[in-house]
Amino acid sequence: MEEARLEDVGSGLAPVSEGWFVVNVQEAAWLTNDAFGARCVFEGGMPVLRNRPDLPAHRFAQLGLTLQVLQPGQPSGLYHAETNQEDFLVLAGECLALVEGAERLLKAWDFLHCPPGTEHVFVGTGEGPCVIFMTGARTEEKETVYPRSDPALRRGAGVESETRSPAEAYSDLPHWQPKRPDSPLPS
């Protein structure tokens, strides 16, 4: 197996070819969103390549991997359930996991396993940033539902009406932009 080619995409380095690679999170490509914090996605797909349309997209075939940084009060996205397994490990800080309508406080080194169909979202809590490592399986038949959830709505992480359309669920929210986080990562 060849080593992948990493390119500077404006917000850090991203792979633009197949192969193995090593990249430090401090040097990797990032996305930011005023509503949902910052993400290091480790892949060279959209929207990471938004400022570099000259480069070929490269996404991982079997796993999605994200390192998300949430500020207190910031949700990770919208309350949802996927037909694929997802797993989460809190690396630093604290967050509130909304899972199947229940609220669970998570702190560094807490792990959450979500079998397919588990409704969930995270909201940053505590005094500083929360860092969560997220991974999920990728299959061709993946479907996502955004159910109405009063606890999620109270935390700014829910939809008023259930939908299976990500475009509809996120229509009034800002898009992810290729940009490094303004504040440094917790050590």
Protein backbone atom coordinates (compact mmCIF):
# COMPACT_ATOMS: atom_id res chain seq x y z
CA MET A 1 0.00 0.00 0.00
CA GLU A 2 1.31 3.42 -0.96
CA GLU A 3 1.40 6.42 1.34
CA ALA A 4 -1.47 8.86 0.72
CA ARG A 5 -0.71 12.34 -0.54
CA LEU A 6 -1.61 15.08 1.97
CA GLU A 7 -2.35 18.58 0.70
CA ASP A 8 -2.87 21.89 2.45
CA VAL A 9 -6.54 22.74 1.91
CA GLY A 10 -6.44 26.08 3.71
CA SER A 11 -7.60 24.78 7.09
CA GLY A 12 -4.87 22.16 7.39
CA LEU A 13 -3.71 18.95 5.73
CA ALA A 14 -6.12 16.44 4.15
CA PRO A 15 -5.59 13.24 2.15
CA VAL A 16 -6.25 13.53 -1.58
CA SER A 17 -5.30 9.98 -2.58
CA GLU A 18 -5.66 6.41 -1.35
CA GLY A 19 -3.17 5.00 1.10
CA TRP A 20 -1.96 5.16 4.65
CA PHE A 21 -0.94 8.41 6.30
CA VAL A 22 -0.05 10.06 9.60
CA VAL A 23 -1.23 13.55 10.48
CA ASN A 24 -1.23 15.42 13.79
CA VAL A 25 -4.61 16.88 14.79
CA GLN A 26 -2.94 20.30 15.15
CA GLU A 27 -1.94 20.12 11.45
CA ALA A 28 -5.02 18.32 10.03
CA ALA A 29 -7.85 20.02 8.15
CA TRP A 30 -10.65 21.48 10.26
CA LEU A 31 -14.22 22.66 9.79
CA THR A 32 -16.00 25.21 11.97
CA ASN A 33 -19.64 26.09 12.46
CA ASP A 34 -20.99 28.93 14.60
CA ALA A 35 -23.77 26.66 15.89
CA PHE A 36 -21.92 23.34 16.28
CA GLY A 37 -18.28 24.06 17.14
CA ALA A 38 -15.23 22.70 15.35
CA ARG A 39 -14.45 19.36 13.71
CA CYS A 40 -11.32 17.63 12.52
CA VAL A 41 -12.56 15.07 9.96
CA PHE A 42 -9.28 13.53 8.72
CA GLU A 43 -10.72 13.17 5.18
CA GLY A 44 -10.48 15.15 1.99
CA GLY A 45 -14.15 15.45 1.07
CA MET A 46 -16.59 18.33 0.97
CA PRO A 47 -16.74 20.77 2.70
CA VAL A 48 -13.02 20.43 3.61
CA LEU A 49 -12.12 20.96 -0.07
CA ARG A 50 -14.46 23.93 -0.56
CA ASN A 51 -11.47 26.30 -0.97
CA ARG A 52 -9.47 23.80 -3.06
CA PRO A 53 -11.75 22.58 -5.91
CA ASP A 54 -8.59 21.70 -7.86
CA LEU A 55 -7.97 18.71 -5.57
CA PRO A 56 -9.63 15.28 -5.83
CA ALA A 57 -11.98 14.30 -3.00
CA HIS A 58 -11.00 11.36 -0.81
CA ARG A 59 -13.32 9.88 1.80
CA PHE A 60 -12.84 6.77 3.91
CA ALA A 61 -14.88 3.88 2.54
CA GLN A 62 -15.78 1.99 5.72
CA LEU A 63 -15.57 4.38 8.71
CA GLY A 64 -16.39 7.98 9.43
CA LEU A 65 -14.05 9.57 11.99
CA THR A 66 -14.47 12.98 13.57
CA LEU A 67 -12.85 14.84 16.43
CA GLN A 68 -15.38 17.43 17.61
CA VAL A 69 -14.75 20.36 19.95
CA LEU A 70 -17.81 21.85 21.65
CA GLN A 71 -17.97 24.95 23.77
CA PRO A 72 -20.35 25.02 26.78
CA GLY A 73 -23.94 25.13 25.53
CA GLN A 74 -23.00 24.15 21.98
CA PRO A 75 -24.68 21.06 20.45
CA SER A 76 -22.73 18.64 18.24
CA GLY A 77 -25.50 18.68 15.62
CA LEU A 78 -29.19 17.85 15.67
CA TYR A 79 -30.80 15.00 17.61
CA HIS A 80 -30.93 12.04 15.24
CA ALA A 81 -30.74 8.28 14.76
CA GLU A 82 -28.85 6.48 11.99
CA THR A 83 -29.15 2.99 10.57
CA ASN A 84 -25.41 2.55 11.22
CA GLN A 85 -23.56 1.96 14.50
CA GLU A 86 -21.86 5.00 16.04
CA ASP A 87 -19.45 5.23 18.97
CA PHE A 88 -18.15 8.18 20.98
CA LEU A 89 -15.28 8.76 23.43
CA VAL A 90 -15.01 11.98 25.44
CA LEU A 91 -11.31 12.92 25.51
CA ALA A 92 -11.50 16.18 27.48
CA GLY A 93 -14.07 18.35 29.20
CA GLU A 94 -17.72 17.53 29.78
CA CYS A 95 -20.87 17.22 27.74
CA LEU A 96 -24.46 16.21 28.12
CA ALA A 97 -25.46 13.22 25.98
CA LEU A 98 -29.14 13.18 25.04
CA VAL A 99 -29.82 9.50 24.29
CA GLU A 100 -33.27 8.07 23.61
CA GLY A 101 -34.83 11.04 25.43
CA ALA A 102 -32.62 10.65 28.54
CA GLU A 103 -29.88 13.06 29.63
CA ARG A 104 -26.51 11.66 30.73
CA LEU A 105 -23.53 13.76 31.85
CA LEU A 106 -20.28 12.53 30.26
CA LYS A 107 -16.74 13.49 31.24
CA ALA A 108 -13.25 12.65 29.98
CA TRP A 109 -12.82 8.95 29.16
CA ASP A 110 -16.56 8.18 29.13
CA PHE A 111 -17.56 6.05 26.14
CA LEU A 112 -21.02 5.93 24.54
CA HIS A 113 -22.00 3.11 22.18
CA CYS A 114 -25.03 3.70 19.93
CA PRO A 115 -26.32 0.63 18.11
CA PRO A 116 -28.13 1.35 14.82
CA GLY A 117 -31.33 3.32 15.43
CA THR A 118 -30.23 4.98 18.71
CA GLU A 119 -31.44 8.60 18.99
CA HIS A 120 -28.67 10.90 20.27
CA VAL A 121 -26.83 14.25 20.29
CA PHE A 122 -24.27 15.96 22.54
CA VAL A 123 -24.23 19.41 24.15
CA GLY A 124 -21.06 20.92 25.64
CA THR A 125 -21.20 21.67 29.39
CA GLY A 126 -18.73 22.62 32.08
CA GLU A 127 -16.24 25.49 32.18
CA GLY A 128 -14.38 24.91 28.93
CA PRO A 129 -14.29 22.99 25.67
CA CYS A 130 -15.33 19.36 25.37
CA VAL A 131 -13.45 17.13 22.90
CA ILE A 132 -15.25 14.03 21.58
CA PHE A 133 -13.83 11.37 19.26
CA MET A 134 -16.68 10.10 17.08
CA THR A 135 -16.74 7.12 14.75
CA GLY A 136 -19.43 5.43 12.72
CA ALA A 137 -19.81 2.66 10.20
CA ARG A 138 -20.43 3.57 6.57
CA THR A 139 -22.82 1.54 4.48
CA GLU A 140 -24.55 2.32 1.20
CA GLU A 141 -28.02 1.93 2.71
CA LYS A 142 -27.53 4.48 5.52
CA GLU A 143 -30.61 6.42 6.55
CA THR A 144 -30.97 9.12 9.18
CA VAL A 145 -34.08 10.30 11.00
CA TYR A 146 -34.36 13.54 12.97
CA PRO A 147 -37.18 12.89 15.47
CA ARG A 148 -38.85 15.62 17.47
CA SER A 149 -37.44 15.64 21.01
CA ASP A 150 -38.43 18.18 23.65
CA PRO A 151 -35.14 17.78 25.62
CA ALA A 152 -33.17 18.33 22.39
CA LEU A 153 -35.28 21.36 21.46
CA ARG A 154 -34.67 22.89 24.91
CA ARG A 155 -30.91 22.53 24.28
CA GLY A 156 -31.00 24.00 20.74
CA ALA A 157 -30.33 20.57 19.21
CA GLY A 158 -33.73 19.47 17.91
CA VAL A 159 -36.20 19.78 15.06
CA GLU A 160 -39.81 20.94 15.41
CA SER A 161 -41.12 18.23 13.07
CA GLU A 162 -39.63 14.81 12.36
CA THR A 163 -37.82 14.51 9.06
CA ARG A 164 -35.55 12.09 7.22
CA SER A 165 -33.99 14.89 5.18
CA PRO A 166 -30.70 16.35 6.49
CA ALA A 167 -31.18 19.33 4.15
CA GLU A 168 -34.59 20.02 5.71
CA ALA A 169 -33.36 19.46 9.30
CA TYR A 170 -30.40 21.85 8.90
CA SER A 171 -32.02 24.34 6.48
CA ASP A 172 -32.00 27.28 8.93
CA LEU A 173 -28.57 26.56 10.39
CA PRO A 174 -25.08 27.68 9.26
CA HIS A 175 -23.02 25.41 7.02
CA TRP A 176 -19.65 23.94 8.01
CA GLN A 177 -16.75 26.03 6.72
CA PRO A 178 -13.13 24.97 6.16
CA LYS A 179 -11.47 26.90 8.98
CA ARG A 180 -9.28 26.10 11.96
CA PRO A 181 -10.80 26.65 15.43
CA ASP A 182 -10.26 30.12 16.89
CA SER A 183 -9.20 28.78 20.28
CA PRO A 184 -6.45 26.22 20.83
CA LEU A 185 -7.33 22.61 21.59
CA PRO A 186 -7.29 21.55 25.23
CA SER A 187 -4.12 19.69 26.13
